[in-house]
Structure formats: structure tokens, C-alpha cells
């Protein structure tokens, strides 16, 4: 099993983190983004969108970080991380959609500006980030994990990386006690692996 990854990508970190949490070994292949390796024909055969991460498992190629989480959960029968119950599965899917939407346009986009110099509107991204963080903080009031229940799910994995690194994009987490406590719970899980910190934004 191979994971095409970028160490500073929150999307790639989701996949790497989940693999580690479930104790699954993987060969990590760092994609040379600055030299546009992700836009070369060889990589585009794996993912025509030219994005990381990409998981290669034998003859199966899975692109998109959330799709990789679902694939791994199903492949290894991790029903604690990816519930079979209809209501629980829907709750997980709701937050996967948030990870692909509000999280990407808020905390992730704000960090893209400071870490990678992306030509995005930082103020808009920061404002969107705080709207999302308030909603996450409210959702985590009285429950340990974002989709409910007493065990983390792939929804927690999908949301963790860019939330934890939001300060790198000048998004302050101080007002969100429930979110900060949730981050600490994720970081205390057996098998947790961190994404490298970047000294930019509020983390400078």
C-alpha cells in the first residue's frame, strides 16, 4: 500500500493519520509539489485532478482524502470509525461534507495564504473559519467526538488537521474551548501522528 502525500498538506495528513490510528503500515511517497510533480503525466494517471493524497492499494487507486478514509474504513472493517448504523453513518457523512466545504474554504484556505502564498482573500477565509469553529464548538458541547458517540470516527480525522493548524492561517482558537479539548483528545489517541508545524501566522 502506497500513499502519495505532501507532509504539509492537511488533506494528505488525514489519510496518513487514519492509517496510523488503525495500525496499518504504508509506504509514504512525497510528491514534489514545488516542481509540479503533481501535474506531470505519470501522476495524472493516478489522479486526473492533480491533487494529493492518492492511495494505491494493489490494483485499486483511490484519490481524494475523504474517499481514502471511507475506503480504509470499509476495507479493514473499522465499523467503530465508519459506523454501519444509518443515523450514525449520516452524522459522519455530514461532517465529511463540512471537511470538504466549510473547512476547506475557511481554515484550510487561510493557511494556504500564509504557508503556500496562495492568492486567496485571507480576510474572507478567516471569517469563514470562525463561523465554522463556532459551529464545531457548539456541536462538541456535551459530547467528546464531532459526530456523537463514545468513539472517534473518520469525521474527527477529516476535521482534525486543518483545525489544529488553523493558527498558522491567523485563525485564533482561544475562544473555542470545546474544540481545543477535542483536539487534545484526538492527539491522545494511540497511533496519533502529527503534521509538521509551520512558523507562520499566529504560530510565527
Protein backbone atom coordinates (compact mmCIF):
# COMPACT_ATOMS: atom_id res chain seq x y z
CA UNK A 1 0.00 0.00 0.00
CA UNK A 2 1.39 3.39 -1.06
CA UNK A 3 0.29 6.88 -0.13
CA UNK A 4 1.29 9.76 -2.39
CA UNK A 5 1.48 12.63 0.02
CA UNK A 6 2.82 16.08 0.91
CA UNK A 7 3.97 16.50 4.50
CA UNK A 8 2.44 19.98 4.90
CA UNK A 9 -0.90 19.10 3.32
CA UNK A 10 -3.78 18.71 5.76
CA UNK A 11 -5.63 16.62 3.20
CA UNK A 12 -2.71 14.21 2.94
CA UNK A 13 -2.31 14.19 6.72
CA UNK A 14 -5.88 12.93 7.12
CA UNK A 15 -5.02 9.77 5.24
CA UNK A 16 -1.68 9.30 6.97
CA UNK A 17 -3.23 9.90 10.39
CA UNK A 18 -6.02 7.38 9.87
CA UNK A 19 -3.63 4.73 8.60
CA UNK A 20 -1.57 5.20 11.75
CA UNK A 21 -4.60 5.19 14.06
CA UNK A 22 -5.73 1.82 12.68
CA UNK A 23 -2.20 0.42 12.75
CA UNK A 24 -1.88 -0.01 9.00
CA UNK A 25 1.60 0.33 7.54
CA UNK A 26 2.02 2.26 4.30
CA UNK A 27 4.81 3.43 2.02
CA UNK A 28 4.81 7.22 2.01
CA UNK A 29 5.79 8.86 -1.26
CA UNK A 30 6.41 12.60 -1.01
CA UNK A 31 5.17 14.41 -4.12
CA UNK A 32 7.40 17.29 -5.22
CA UNK A 33 4.72 19.99 -5.44
CA UNK A 34 7.13 22.95 -5.94
CA UNK A 35 8.44 21.27 -9.10
CA UNK A 36 4.86 20.44 -10.17
CA UNK A 37 5.26 16.68 -9.98
CA UNK A 38 1.51 16.52 -9.30
CA UNK A 39 0.83 17.93 -12.77
CA UNK A 40 3.04 15.50 -14.67
CA UNK A 41 1.52 12.73 -16.83
CA UNK A 42 2.69 9.95 -14.51
CA UNK A 43 0.90 11.42 -11.51
CA UNK A 44 -2.15 12.48 -13.51
CA UNK A 45 -2.68 8.82 -14.40
CA UNK A 46 -3.26 8.25 -10.69
CA UNK A 47 -5.39 11.35 -10.14
CA UNK A 48 -6.55 13.38 -13.12
CA UNK A 49 -7.28 16.29 -10.75
CA UNK A 50 -3.57 16.56 -9.96
CA UNK A 51 -4.06 16.56 -6.20
CA UNK A 52 -2.72 14.70 -3.18
CA UNK A 53 -3.29 12.40 -1.45
CA UNK A 54 -3.62 9.31 -3.59
CA UNK A 55 -3.72 5.81 -2.12
CA UNK A 56 -2.55 2.88 -4.23
CA UNK A 57 -3.61 -0.49 -2.84
CA UNK A 58 -2.66 -3.17 -5.31
CA UNK A 59 -4.83 -2.60 -8.39
CA UNK A 60 -7.00 -0.06 -6.57
CA UNK A 61 -6.23 3.64 -6.83
CA UNK A 62 -8.17 5.93 -4.51
CA UNK A 63 -7.91 9.70 -4.83
CA UNK A 64 -9.42 12.34 -2.50
CA UNK A 65 -8.69 12.34 1.22
CA UNK A 66 -12.24 11.67 2.39
CA UNK A 67 -12.67 8.88 -0.15
CA UNK A 68 -9.47 7.33 1.18
CA UNK A 69 -10.84 7.43 4.74
CA UNK A 70 -14.02 5.65 3.59
CA UNK A 71 -12.04 3.11 1.57
CA UNK A 72 -9.78 2.25 4.51
CA UNK A 73 -12.69 2.07 6.94
CA UNK A 74 -14.55 -0.35 4.66
CA UNK A 75 -11.51 -2.38 3.61
CA UNK A 76 -10.43 -3.09 7.17
CA UNK A 77 -13.92 -3.40 8.64
CA UNK A 78 -13.48 -0.45 11.00
CA UNK A 79 -17.15 -0.05 11.89
CA UNK A 80 -16.19 1.90 15.02
CA UNK A 81 -14.59 4.55 12.78
CA UNK A 82 -17.16 4.25 9.97
CA UNK A 83 -20.48 3.16 11.51
CA UNK A 84 -22.95 0.92 9.69
CA UNK A 85 -25.96 2.33 11.56
CA UNK A 86 -27.90 4.65 9.24
CA UNK A 87 -28.17 7.59 11.62
CA UNK A 88 -24.55 7.36 12.75
CA UNK A 89 -23.30 6.97 9.17
CA UNK A 90 -25.30 10.05 8.15
CA UNK A 91 -23.79 12.05 11.02
CA UNK A 92 -20.31 11.09 9.86
CA UNK A 93 -21.12 11.96 6.25
CA UNK A 94 -22.45 15.36 7.30
CA UNK A 95 -19.09 16.28 8.80
CA UNK A 96 -17.16 14.81 5.87
CA UNK A 97 -19.11 17.26 3.72
CA UNK A 98 -18.11 20.06 6.09
CA UNK A 99 -14.48 18.98 5.78
CA UNK A 100 -14.74 19.24 2.01
CA UNK A 101 -16.65 22.53 2.16
CA UNK A 102 -16.55 24.96 5.06
CA UNK A 103 -13.25 23.64 6.42
CA UNK A 104 -11.59 23.89 3.01
CA UNK A 105 -12.84 27.42 2.37
CA UNK A 106 -12.16 28.61 5.93
CA UNK A 107 -9.20 27.33 7.98
CA UNK A 108 -7.53 25.49 5.12
CA UNK A 109 -7.75 28.46 2.74
CA UNK A 110 -6.44 30.88 5.38
CA UNK A 111 -3.45 28.58 5.91
CA UNK A 112 -2.85 28.30 2.17
CA UNK A 113 -2.23 32.05 2.13
CA UNK A 114 0.43 32.04 4.84
CA UNK A 115 2.11 28.67 4.22
CA UNK A 116 2.00 28.48 0.43
CA UNK A 117 1.40 32.09 -0.61
CA UNK A 118 -1.89 31.26 -2.32
CA UNK A 119 -3.61 34.27 -3.94
CA UNK A 120 -6.76 34.00 -1.83
CA UNK A 121 -8.69 36.52 0.24
CA UNK A 122 -7.30 35.89 3.73
CA UNK A 123 -9.93 38.03 5.49
CA UNK A 124 -12.79 36.12 3.92
CA UNK A 125 -11.19 32.79 4.79
CA UNK A 126 -10.54 33.81 8.40
CA UNK A 127 -14.13 34.99 8.82
CA UNK A 128 -15.46 31.73 7.38
CA UNK A 129 -13.14 29.83 9.71
CA UNK A 130 -14.60 31.49 12.79
CA UNK A 131 -18.15 30.76 11.67
CA UNK A 132 -17.24 27.09 11.32
CA UNK A 133 -15.31 26.93 14.58
CA UNK A 134 -18.30 28.31 16.48
CA UNK A 135 -20.50 25.62 14.94
CA UNK A 136 -17.98 22.92 15.78
CA UNK A 137 -17.63 24.25 19.31
CA UNK A 138 -21.40 24.14 19.75
CA UNK A 139 -21.58 20.62 18.32
CA UNK A 140 -18.89 19.42 20.73
CA UNK A 141 -20.69 20.77 23.80
CA UNK A 142 -21.52 17.73 25.91
CA UNK A 143 -20.04 15.13 23.55
CA UNK A 144 -16.43 14.02 23.06
CA UNK A 145 -16.48 13.44 19.30
CA UNK A 146 -17.84 15.54 16.45
CA UNK A 147 -20.37 13.01 15.11
CA UNK A 148 -21.52 11.94 18.57
CA UNK A 149 -20.98 8.60 20.22
CA UNK A 150 -18.21 7.48 22.52
CA UNK A 151 -15.67 6.60 19.84
CA UNK A 152 -13.98 8.85 17.30
CA UNK A 153 -14.91 8.41 13.66
CA UNK A 154 -13.38 9.32 10.34
CA UNK A 155 -15.25 12.62 10.69
CA UNK A 156 -12.89 13.56 13.53
CA UNK A 157 -9.92 12.56 11.38
CA UNK A 158 -11.18 14.60 8.42
CA UNK A 159 -11.62 17.74 10.52
CA UNK A 160 -8.55 17.48 12.74
CA UNK A 161 -5.57 18.58 10.64
CA UNK A 162 -6.75 21.96 9.35
CA UNK A 163 -8.47 22.77 12.64
CA UNK A 164 -5.33 22.04 14.65
CA UNK A 165 -3.23 24.12 12.27
CA UNK A 166 -5.71 26.98 11.92
CA UNK A 167 -3.45 29.38 13.88
CA UNK A 168 -0.90 29.09 11.05
CA UNK A 169 -3.51 30.88 8.94
CA UNK A 170 -4.07 33.61 11.60
CA UNK A 171 -7.19 31.87 12.94
CA UNK A 172 -7.20 32.04 16.75
CA UNK A 173 -8.64 29.03 18.61
CA UNK A 174 -8.74 30.66 22.06
CA UNK A 175 -12.49 31.30 22.03
CA UNK A 176 -13.34 27.66 21.28
CA UNK A 177 -12.71 25.64 24.43
CA UNK A 178 -14.68 22.60 23.25
CA UNK A 179 -12.72 22.50 20.00
CA UNK A 180 -9.39 22.76 21.83
CA UNK A 181 -10.37 19.94 24.19
CA UNK A 182 -11.44 17.83 21.20
CA UNK A 183 -8.08 18.44 19.51
CA UNK A 184 -6.34 17.23 22.65
CA UNK A 185 -8.48 14.08 22.67
CA UNK A 186 -7.52 13.31 19.07
CA UNK A 187 -3.86 13.90 19.87
CA UNK A 188 -4.08 11.49 22.82
CA UNK A 189 -5.32 8.60 20.65
CA UNK A 190 -2.96 5.62 20.31
CA UNK A 191 -1.19 5.83 16.99
CA UNK A 192 -1.61 9.59 16.59
CA UNK A 193 0.93 11.22 14.28
CA UNK A 194 1.27 14.98 13.99
CA UNK A 195 1.52 17.10 10.88
CA UNK A 196 4.65 19.31 10.88
CA UNK A 197 4.11 22.78 12.30
CA UNK A 198 4.90 25.82 10.19
CA UNK A 199 6.05 29.02 11.97
CA UNK A 200 3.66 31.40 10.22
CA UNK A 201 0.53 33.35 11.14
CA UNK A 202 -0.21 33.19 14.86
CA UNK A 203 2.30 30.34 15.13
CA UNK A 204 5.17 32.59 13.98
